[in-house]
Amino acid sequence: MDLHDLRGRLAKVNEDAEALIRDIQEMLALGKMPGSRAWTAMCNGMVVRYQNTIEANEEVISRIDHHLSAGD
């Protein structure tokens, strides 16, 4: 796998993670019920994990872009 392929795969993972975050946030908005603290905490935890994944992937993508622009 070359850097272009890796970059493309990471970008796809980020797209999927962003879609999952939107889905989770929509579920949270629909699920405003008394006694749903555990559900809300679980969903918020998932959002944080997906956001962390996106940030880590963006860092790798940035490094790949730097290498590609430098001709490495």
N, C-alpha and C. Protein backbone atom coordinates (compact mmCIF):
# COMPACT_ATOMS: atom_id res chain seq x y z
N MET A 1 0.85 -1.17 0.00
CA MET A 1 0.00 0.00 0.00
C MET A 1 0.90 1.24 0.00
N ASP A 2 0.62 2.14 -0.93
CA ASP A 2 1.42 3.36 -0.95
C ASP A 2 0.73 4.46 -0.13
N LEU A 3 1.40 5.60 -0.04
CA LEU A 3 0.87 6.69 0.79
C LEU A 3 -0.46 7.22 0.29
N HIS A 4 -0.65 7.24 -1.04
CA HIS A 4 -1.92 7.72 -1.58
C HIS A 4 -3.07 6.81 -1.13
N ASP A 5 -2.83 5.49 -1.18
CA ASP A 5 -3.86 4.53 -0.74
C ASP A 5 -4.15 4.69 0.75
N LEU A 6 -3.08 4.81 1.55
CA LEU A 6 -3.25 4.96 2.99
C LEU A 6 -4.03 6.23 3.31
N ARG A 7 -3.68 7.31 2.63
CA ARG A 7 -4.39 8.57 2.86
C ARG A 7 -5.87 8.42 2.52
N GLY A 8 -6.16 7.78 1.41
CA GLY A 8 -7.54 7.57 1.00
C GLY A 8 -8.32 6.73 2.00
N ARG A 9 -7.68 5.70 2.52
CA ARG A 9 -8.34 4.84 3.50
C ARG A 9 -8.61 5.59 4.80
N LEU A 10 -7.64 6.38 5.24
CA LEU A 10 -7.84 7.17 6.46
C LEU A 10 -8.95 8.20 6.27
N ALA A 11 -8.99 8.82 5.11
CA ALA A 11 -10.05 9.79 4.84
C ALA A 11 -11.42 9.11 4.87
N LYS A 12 -11.51 7.89 4.34
CA LYS A 12 -12.77 7.15 4.35
C LYS A 12 -13.17 6.80 5.79
N VAL A 13 -12.21 6.39 6.61
CA VAL A 13 -12.49 6.11 8.01
C VAL A 13 -13.04 7.36 8.69
N ASN A 14 -12.45 8.51 8.39
CA ASN A 14 -12.93 9.76 8.98
C ASN A 14 -14.36 10.08 8.53
N GLU A 15 -14.65 9.87 7.25
CA GLU A 15 -16.01 10.11 6.76
C GLU A 15 -17.00 9.22 7.51
N ASP A 16 -16.64 7.95 7.67
CA ASP A 16 -17.52 7.01 8.37
C ASP A 16 -17.69 7.42 9.83
N ALA A 17 -16.60 7.83 10.48
CA ALA A 17 -16.67 8.24 11.88
C ALA A 17 -17.53 9.49 12.04
N GLU A 18 -17.40 10.42 11.11
CA GLU A 18 -18.22 11.63 11.17
C GLU A 18 -19.70 11.29 11.00
N ALA A 19 -20.01 10.35 10.12
CA ALA A 19 -21.41 9.91 9.94
C ALA A 19 -21.92 9.24 11.21
N LEU A 20 -21.08 8.43 11.85
CA LEU A 20 -21.48 7.79 13.10
C LEU A 20 -21.74 8.81 14.19
N ILE A 21 -20.90 9.83 14.27
CA ILE A 21 -21.10 10.90 15.26
C ILE A 21 -22.45 11.57 15.03
N ARG A 22 -22.76 11.88 13.77
CA ARG A 22 -24.06 12.50 13.48
C ARG A 22 -25.21 11.58 13.88
N ASP A 23 -25.08 10.28 13.59
CA ASP A 23 -26.12 9.32 13.97
C ASP A 23 -26.30 9.26 15.48
N ILE A 24 -25.19 9.22 16.20
CA ILE A 24 -25.25 9.15 17.67
C ILE A 24 -25.90 10.41 18.22
N GLN A 25 -25.51 11.56 17.68
CA GLN A 25 -26.10 12.82 18.16
C GLN A 25 -27.60 12.86 17.87
N GLU A 26 -28.01 12.32 16.73
CA GLU A 26 -29.44 12.26 16.42
C GLU A 26 -30.16 11.33 17.38
N MET A 27 -29.55 10.19 17.68
CA MET A 27 -30.16 9.26 18.65
C MET A 27 -30.30 9.93 20.01
N LEU A 28 -29.28 10.69 20.40
CA LEU A 28 -29.35 11.40 21.68
C LEU A 28 -30.48 12.42 21.68
N ALA A 29 -30.64 13.13 20.59
CA ALA A 29 -31.70 14.13 20.51
C ALA A 29 -33.08 13.48 20.58
N LEU A 30 -33.22 12.31 19.97
CA LEU A 30 -34.50 11.61 19.98
C LEU A 30 -34.76 10.90 21.31
N GLY A 31 -33.69 10.58 22.02
CA GLY A 31 -33.83 9.77 23.22
C GLY A 31 -33.85 10.54 24.52
N LYS A 32 -34.29 11.78 24.49
CA LYS A 32 -34.35 12.58 25.72
C LYS A 32 -35.48 12.06 26.60
N MET A 33 -35.12 11.12 27.47
CA MET A 33 -36.11 10.52 28.36
C MET A 33 -35.59 10.59 29.79
N PRO A 34 -36.50 10.66 30.75
CA PRO A 34 -36.06 10.59 32.15
C PRO A 34 -35.38 9.24 32.40
N GLY A 35 -34.32 9.26 33.15
CA GLY A 35 -33.62 8.02 33.50
C GLY A 35 -32.71 7.50 32.42
N SER A 36 -32.38 8.32 31.45
CA SER A 36 -31.54 7.84 30.36
C SER A 36 -30.08 8.30 30.50
N ARG A 37 -29.65 8.54 31.72
CA ARG A 37 -28.28 9.03 31.94
C ARG A 37 -27.23 8.04 31.46
N ALA A 38 -27.45 6.77 31.72
CA ALA A 38 -26.47 5.76 31.29
C ALA A 38 -26.38 5.73 29.77
N TRP A 39 -27.52 5.79 29.11
CA TRP A 39 -27.57 5.81 27.64
C TRP A 39 -26.84 7.05 27.11
N THR A 40 -27.12 8.20 27.69
CA THR A 40 -26.49 9.44 27.27
C THR A 40 -24.98 9.38 27.49
N ALA A 41 -24.55 8.88 28.63
CA ALA A 41 -23.12 8.76 28.92
C ALA A 41 -22.44 7.83 27.93
N MET A 42 -23.08 6.71 27.61
CA MET A 42 -22.50 5.77 26.66
C MET A 42 -22.37 6.42 25.28
N CYS A 43 -23.41 7.10 24.83
CA CYS A 43 -23.37 7.76 23.53
C CYS A 43 -22.32 8.86 23.49
N ASN A 44 -22.25 9.64 24.55
CA ASN A 44 -21.23 10.70 24.61
C ASN A 44 -19.83 10.11 24.59
N GLY A 45 -19.64 8.98 25.25
CA GLY A 45 -18.35 8.30 25.22
C GLY A 45 -17.98 7.84 23.82
N MET A 46 -18.98 7.32 23.08
CA MET A 46 -18.72 6.90 21.70
C MET A 46 -18.35 8.10 20.84
N VAL A 47 -19.04 9.21 21.02
CA VAL A 47 -18.73 10.41 20.25
C VAL A 47 -17.29 10.84 20.50
N VAL A 48 -16.88 10.84 21.75
CA VAL A 48 -15.50 11.24 22.09
C VAL A 48 -14.49 10.30 21.44
N ARG A 49 -14.75 9.00 21.49
CA ARG A 49 -13.82 8.05 20.87
C ARG A 49 -13.73 8.26 19.36
N TYR A 50 -14.86 8.48 18.70
CA TYR A 50 -14.83 8.73 17.26
C TYR A 50 -14.13 10.05 16.95
N GLN A 51 -14.35 11.07 17.76
CA GLN A 51 -13.67 12.35 17.54
C GLN A 51 -12.16 12.19 17.72
N ASN A 52 -11.74 11.40 18.70
CA ASN A 52 -10.31 11.14 18.90
C ASN A 52 -9.72 10.40 17.71
N THR A 53 -10.48 9.45 17.16
CA THR A 53 -10.02 8.72 15.98
C THR A 53 -9.84 9.66 14.81
N ILE A 54 -10.82 10.54 14.61
CA ILE A 54 -10.74 11.50 13.51
C ILE A 54 -9.52 12.40 13.68
N GLU A 55 -9.29 12.90 14.88
CA GLU A 55 -8.13 13.77 15.12
C GLU A 55 -6.82 13.04 14.86
N ALA A 56 -6.72 11.80 15.31
CA ALA A 56 -5.49 11.03 15.09
C ALA A 56 -5.28 10.78 13.60
N ASN A 57 -6.36 10.44 12.89
CA ASN A 57 -6.24 10.20 11.46
C ASN A 57 -5.88 11.48 10.71
N GLU A 58 -6.43 12.61 11.13
CA GLU A 58 -6.09 13.87 10.49
C GLU A 58 -4.62 14.21 10.67
N GLU A 59 -4.06 13.86 11.82
CA GLU A 59 -2.63 14.07 12.04
C GLU A 59 -1.81 13.22 11.08
N VAL A 60 -2.19 11.96 10.92
CA VAL A 60 -1.48 11.07 9.99
C VAL A 60 -1.65 11.57 8.56
N ILE A 61 -2.87 11.96 8.19
CA ILE A 61 -3.11 12.49 6.84
C ILE A 61 -2.25 13.72 6.59
N SER A 62 -2.14 14.58 7.57
CA SER A 62 -1.30 15.78 7.43
C SER A 62 0.15 15.40 7.18
N ARG A 63 0.64 14.41 7.91
CA ARG A 63 2.03 13.96 7.71
C ARG A 63 2.21 13.34 6.34
N ILE A 64 1.22 12.56 5.90
CA ILE A 64 1.29 11.96 4.56
C ILE A 64 1.31 13.07 3.51
N ASP A 65 0.42 14.05 3.66
CA ASP A 65 0.38 15.17 2.71
C ASP A 65 1.72 15.89 2.67
N HIS A 66 2.34 16.06 3.83
CA HIS A 66 3.65 16.72 3.89
C HIS A 66 4.68 15.92 3.11
N HIS A 67 4.70 14.60 3.30
CA HIS A 67 5.65 13.76 2.58
C HIS A 67 5.36 13.76 1.08
N LEU A 68 4.09 13.70 0.72
CA LEU A 68 3.73 13.69 -0.70
C LEU A 68 4.10 15.01 -1.37
N SER A 69 3.89 16.12 -0.67
CA SER A 69 4.22 17.42 -1.26
C SER A 69 5.73 17.63 -1.35
N ALA A 70 6.48 16.94 -0.47
CA ALA A 70 7.94 17.04 -0.50
C ALA A 70 8.53 16.09 -1.53
N GLY A 71 7.69 15.24 -2.11
CA GLY A 71 8.17 14.31 -3.12
C GLY A 71 8.76 13.04 -2.57
N ASP A 72 8.48 12.73 -1.29
CA ASP A 72 9.00 11.50 -0.68
C ASP A 72 8.23 10.30 -1.18
